[in-house]
Amino acid sequence: MTVSSARPQKTPDPADVYAGQVLRALRKKQGLSQEKLADALGVTFQQLQKYERAANRISVSKLDKIARILDVSPALFFDCANSPLAATAGKEKS
């Protein structure tokens, strides 16, 4: 039996992909370059590219900072319609 030492290819979580797509769309809508937004965040533009492609996850603290820089609600980065919490929210009894 042969054991492969190669790491399996990781696919980004759909939530990370969605957050990256929203980040890119908001950045472009506001006319910001990757370099300018990255500088405001204190990361390299390559790191921002990785966030937008979902190659790297965006931490909660960075997501909060991004939302403040872009002057939007952090909630925009979450696909609430497909969230497991959204499905159960209406079923709770008061």
N, C-alpha and C. Protein backbone atom coordinates (compact mmCIF):
# COMPACT_ATOMS: atom_id res chain seq x y z
N MET A 1 0.85 -1.17 0.00
CA MET A 1 0.00 0.00 0.00
C MET A 1 0.90 1.24 0.00
N THR A 2 0.64 2.11 -0.94
CA THR A 2 1.43 3.33 -1.06
C THR A 2 0.67 4.50 -0.46
N VAL A 3 1.36 5.26 0.36
CA VAL A 3 0.77 6.44 0.96
C VAL A 3 1.35 7.65 0.26
N SER A 4 0.48 8.47 -0.27
CA SER A 4 0.91 9.67 -0.98
C SER A 4 1.25 10.76 0.02
N SER A 5 2.37 11.42 -0.21
CA SER A 5 2.76 12.51 0.67
C SER A 5 2.19 13.85 0.20
N ALA A 6 1.58 13.85 -0.98
CA ALA A 6 0.99 15.09 -1.50
C ALA A 6 -0.27 15.42 -0.72
N ARG A 7 -0.42 16.70 -0.39
CA ARG A 7 -1.62 17.14 0.31
C ARG A 7 -2.79 17.21 -0.65
N PRO A 8 -3.97 16.79 -0.19
CA PRO A 8 -5.13 16.87 -1.09
C PRO A 8 -5.46 18.34 -1.40
N GLN A 9 -5.97 18.56 -2.58
CA GLN A 9 -6.35 19.90 -3.01
C GLN A 9 -7.54 20.37 -2.17
N LYS A 10 -7.39 21.53 -1.55
CA LYS A 10 -8.48 22.07 -0.73
C LYS A 10 -9.36 22.97 -1.57
N THR A 11 -10.65 22.80 -1.42
CA THR A 11 -11.59 23.71 -2.07
C THR A 11 -12.10 24.68 -1.01
N PRO A 12 -12.17 25.96 -1.35
CA PRO A 12 -12.64 26.92 -0.36
C PRO A 12 -14.10 26.68 0.01
N ASP A 13 -14.42 26.99 1.23
CA ASP A 13 -15.78 26.90 1.70
C ASP A 13 -16.63 27.92 0.93
N PRO A 14 -17.86 27.56 0.55
CA PRO A 14 -18.72 28.50 -0.18
C PRO A 14 -18.91 29.84 0.54
N ALA A 15 -18.92 29.84 1.86
CA ALA A 15 -19.07 31.10 2.60
C ALA A 15 -17.85 31.99 2.39
N ASP A 16 -16.65 31.39 2.31
CA ASP A 16 -15.44 32.17 2.06
C ASP A 16 -15.43 32.72 0.64
N VAL A 17 -15.91 31.93 -0.31
CA VAL A 17 -16.00 32.37 -1.70
C VAL A 17 -16.96 33.55 -1.80
N TYR A 18 -18.12 33.43 -1.14
CA TYR A 18 -19.11 34.49 -1.16
C TYR A 18 -18.56 35.78 -0.57
N ALA A 19 -17.91 35.68 0.59
CA ALA A 19 -17.33 36.87 1.23
C ALA A 19 -16.29 37.52 0.32
N GLY A 20 -15.48 36.73 -0.35
CA GLY A 20 -14.49 37.27 -1.27
C GLY A 20 -15.12 37.97 -2.46
N GLN A 21 -16.20 37.40 -2.97
CA GLN A 21 -16.91 38.02 -4.10
C GLN A 21 -17.52 39.35 -3.69
N VAL A 22 -18.10 39.40 -2.50
CA VAL A 22 -18.69 40.64 -2.00
C VAL A 22 -17.60 41.68 -1.80
N LEU A 23 -16.48 41.27 -1.22
CA LEU A 23 -15.36 42.19 -1.02
C LEU A 23 -14.92 42.81 -2.34
N ARG A 24 -14.72 41.98 -3.34
CA ARG A 24 -14.27 42.47 -4.65
C ARG A 24 -15.29 43.44 -5.26
N ALA A 25 -16.56 43.06 -5.20
CA ALA A 25 -17.61 43.89 -5.79
C ALA A 25 -17.70 45.25 -5.09
N LEU A 26 -17.65 45.25 -3.77
CA LEU A 26 -17.72 46.51 -3.02
C LEU A 26 -16.49 47.39 -3.29
N ARG A 27 -15.33 46.76 -3.32
CA ARG A 27 -14.09 47.50 -3.58
C ARG A 27 -14.15 48.17 -4.95
N LYS A 28 -14.58 47.41 -5.95
CA LYS A 28 -14.67 47.96 -7.30
C LYS A 28 -15.73 49.04 -7.40
N LYS A 29 -16.88 48.83 -6.74
CA LYS A 29 -17.96 49.81 -6.77
C LYS A 29 -17.50 51.15 -6.21
N GLN A 30 -16.63 51.10 -5.22
CA GLN A 30 -16.14 52.32 -4.61
C GLN A 30 -14.89 52.86 -5.30
N GLY A 31 -14.46 52.20 -6.35
CA GLY A 31 -13.33 52.68 -7.14
C GLY A 31 -11.99 52.55 -6.45
N LEU A 32 -11.87 51.61 -5.52
CA LEU A 32 -10.61 51.40 -4.82
C LEU A 32 -9.78 50.33 -5.51
N SER A 33 -8.50 50.57 -5.62
CA SER A 33 -7.60 49.54 -6.15
C SER A 33 -7.30 48.55 -5.02
N GLN A 34 -6.82 47.39 -5.40
CA GLN A 34 -6.40 46.42 -4.39
C GLN A 34 -5.29 47.00 -3.53
N GLU A 35 -4.39 47.74 -4.16
CA GLU A 35 -3.27 48.33 -3.43
C GLU A 35 -3.75 49.30 -2.35
N LYS A 36 -4.71 50.17 -2.70
CA LYS A 36 -5.19 51.17 -1.74
C LYS A 36 -5.94 50.52 -0.58
N LEU A 37 -6.80 49.55 -0.89
CA LEU A 37 -7.54 48.89 0.19
C LEU A 37 -6.59 48.07 1.05
N ALA A 38 -5.66 47.39 0.43
CA ALA A 38 -4.68 46.58 1.17
C ALA A 38 -3.87 47.47 2.11
N ASP A 39 -3.45 48.63 1.61
CA ASP A 39 -2.69 49.56 2.44
C ASP A 39 -3.51 50.01 3.64
N ALA A 40 -4.78 50.33 3.43
CA ALA A 40 -5.65 50.75 4.52
C ALA A 40 -5.85 49.62 5.55
N LEU A 41 -5.80 48.37 5.07
CA LEU A 41 -5.96 47.22 5.96
C LEU A 41 -4.67 46.81 6.65
N GLY A 42 -3.54 47.27 6.10
CA GLY A 42 -2.26 46.86 6.65
C GLY A 42 -1.80 45.50 6.18
N VAL A 43 -2.25 45.12 4.96
CA VAL A 43 -1.81 43.86 4.35
C VAL A 43 -1.26 44.16 2.97
N THR A 44 -0.63 43.18 2.34
CA THR A 44 -0.15 43.36 0.98
C THR A 44 -1.31 43.21 0.00
N PHE A 45 -1.12 43.75 -1.21
CA PHE A 45 -2.20 43.59 -2.19
C PHE A 45 -2.35 42.12 -2.57
N GLN A 46 -1.25 41.35 -2.47
CA GLN A 46 -1.35 39.90 -2.75
C GLN A 46 -2.27 39.22 -1.73
N GLN A 47 -2.17 39.66 -0.47
CA GLN A 47 -3.04 39.09 0.56
C GLN A 47 -4.50 39.43 0.27
N LEU A 48 -4.74 40.66 -0.16
CA LEU A 48 -6.11 41.07 -0.51
C LEU A 48 -6.62 40.23 -1.69
N GLN A 49 -5.76 39.96 -2.65
CA GLN A 49 -6.14 39.10 -3.78
C GLN A 49 -6.55 37.73 -3.26
N LYS A 50 -5.81 37.20 -2.30
CA LYS A 50 -6.13 35.89 -1.74
C LYS A 50 -7.48 35.92 -1.01
N TYR A 51 -7.77 37.02 -0.33
CA TYR A 51 -9.09 37.16 0.30
C TYR A 51 -10.19 37.13 -0.76
N GLU A 52 -9.98 37.89 -1.83
CA GLU A 52 -11.01 37.99 -2.88
C GLU A 52 -11.20 36.66 -3.61
N ARG A 53 -10.16 35.86 -3.75
CA ARG A 53 -10.25 34.56 -4.41
C ARG A 53 -10.63 33.43 -3.46
N ALA A 54 -10.71 33.76 -2.17
CA ALA A 54 -11.00 32.77 -1.12
C ALA A 54 -9.88 31.76 -0.96
N ALA A 55 -8.67 32.14 -1.40
CA ALA A 55 -7.51 31.28 -1.17
C ALA A 55 -7.13 31.35 0.31
N ASN A 56 -7.39 32.49 0.94
CA ASN A 56 -7.21 32.67 2.38
C ASN A 56 -8.52 33.19 2.96
N ARG A 57 -8.83 32.73 4.16
CA ARG A 57 -10.04 33.20 4.84
C ARG A 57 -9.81 34.58 5.42
N ILE A 58 -10.88 35.35 5.49
CA ILE A 58 -10.83 36.68 6.09
C ILE A 58 -11.22 36.53 7.56
N SER A 59 -10.34 36.95 8.45
CA SER A 59 -10.66 36.86 9.88
C SER A 59 -11.77 37.84 10.22
N VAL A 60 -12.41 37.61 11.33
CA VAL A 60 -13.50 38.47 11.76
C VAL A 60 -13.00 39.90 11.98
N SER A 61 -11.82 40.03 12.57
CA SER A 61 -11.29 41.38 12.82
C SER A 61 -10.99 42.10 11.51
N LYS A 62 -10.46 41.39 10.51
CA LYS A 62 -10.20 42.01 9.20
C LYS A 62 -11.51 42.33 8.50
N LEU A 63 -12.48 41.44 8.62
CA LEU A 63 -13.79 41.68 8.00
C LEU A 63 -14.43 42.93 8.60
N ASP A 64 -14.31 43.10 9.91
CA ASP A 64 -14.85 44.29 10.56
C ASP A 64 -14.12 45.54 10.06
N LYS A 65 -12.81 45.46 9.94
CA LYS A 65 -12.02 46.60 9.47
C LYS A 65 -12.37 46.93 8.02
N ILE A 66 -12.53 45.91 7.19
CA ILE A 66 -12.91 46.11 5.79
C ILE A 66 -14.26 46.82 5.72
N ALA A 67 -15.22 46.35 6.51
CA ALA A 67 -16.56 46.95 6.52
C ALA A 67 -16.49 48.42 6.91
N ARG A 68 -15.65 48.75 7.91
CA ARG A 68 -15.52 50.14 8.34
C ARG A 68 -14.88 50.99 7.24
N ILE A 69 -13.84 50.46 6.59
CA ILE A 69 -13.16 51.20 5.52
C ILE A 69 -14.13 51.46 4.36
N LEU A 70 -14.91 50.44 4.00
CA LEU A 70 -15.83 50.56 2.87
C LEU A 70 -17.17 51.19 3.28
N ASP A 71 -17.32 51.45 4.57
CA ASP A 71 -18.54 52.07 5.12
C ASP A 71 -19.79 51.26 4.78
N VAL A 72 -19.71 49.97 5.08
CA VAL A 72 -20.84 49.06 4.88
C VAL A 72 -21.03 48.22 6.14
N SER A 73 -22.14 47.55 6.22
CA SER A 73 -22.40 46.65 7.34
C SER A 73 -21.61 45.34 7.13
N PRO A 74 -20.99 44.81 8.19
CA PRO A 74 -20.31 43.52 8.06
C PRO A 74 -21.26 42.41 7.62
N ALA A 75 -22.55 42.59 7.86
CA ALA A 75 -23.53 41.56 7.48
C ALA A 75 -23.57 41.33 5.97
N LEU A 76 -23.14 42.29 5.19
CA LEU A 76 -23.13 42.13 3.73
C LEU A 76 -22.23 40.98 3.28
N PHE A 77 -21.27 40.61 4.11
CA PHE A 77 -20.31 39.57 3.73
C PHE A 77 -20.83 38.16 3.99
N PHE A 78 -22.04 38.07 4.51
CA PHE A 78 -22.61 36.76 4.81
C PHE A 78 -23.84 36.52 3.96
N ASP A 79 -23.93 35.35 3.39
CA ASP A 79 -25.07 34.98 2.56
C ASP A 79 -26.18 34.49 3.47
N CYS A 80 -26.92 35.43 4.01
CA CYS A 80 -27.93 35.10 5.01
C CYS A 80 -29.02 34.17 4.47
N ALA A 81 -29.33 34.28 3.20
CA ALA A 81 -30.40 33.45 2.63
C ALA A 81 -30.05 31.97 2.69
N ASN A 82 -28.76 31.65 2.59
CA ASN A 82 -28.34 30.25 2.60
C ASN A 82 -27.70 29.83 3.92
N SER A 83 -27.76 30.69 4.91
CA SER A 83 -27.16 30.39 6.21
C SER A 83 -27.98 29.34 6.94
N PRO A 84 -27.33 28.37 7.59
CA PRO A 84 -28.07 27.40 8.39
C PRO A 84 -28.87 28.08 9.53
N LEU A 85 -28.36 29.21 10.01
CA LEU A 85 -29.07 29.93 11.07
C LEU A 85 -30.36 30.55 10.56
N ALA A 86 -30.36 31.01 9.31
CA ALA A 86 -31.56 31.62 8.75
C ALA A 86 -32.70 30.62 8.66
N ALA A 87 -32.37 29.38 8.39
CA ALA A 87 -33.39 28.34 8.24
C ALA A 87 -34.08 28.04 9.57
N THR A 88 -33.36 28.19 10.67
CA THR A 88 -33.95 27.86 11.98
C THR A 88 -34.45 29.09 12.73
N ALA A 89 -34.10 30.28 12.27
CA ALA A 89 -34.45 31.50 12.99
C ALA A 89 -35.95 31.68 13.14
N GLY A 90 -36.70 31.38 12.12
CA GLY A 90 -38.14 31.57 12.18
C GLY A 90 -38.87 30.50 12.96
N LYS A 91 -38.17 29.43 13.31
CA LYS A 91 -38.80 28.31 14.00
C LYS A 91 -38.72 28.41 15.52
N GLU A 92 -37.96 29.40 16.00
CA GLU A 92 -37.80 29.54 17.45
C GLU A 92 -39.09 30.05 18.06
N LYS A 93 -39.41 29.53 19.24
CA LYS A 93 -40.60 29.98 19.97
C LYS A 93 -40.21 31.04 20.95
N SER A 94 -41.06 32.08 21.10
CA SER A 94 -40.77 33.16 22.05
C SER A 94 -41.31 32.80 23.41
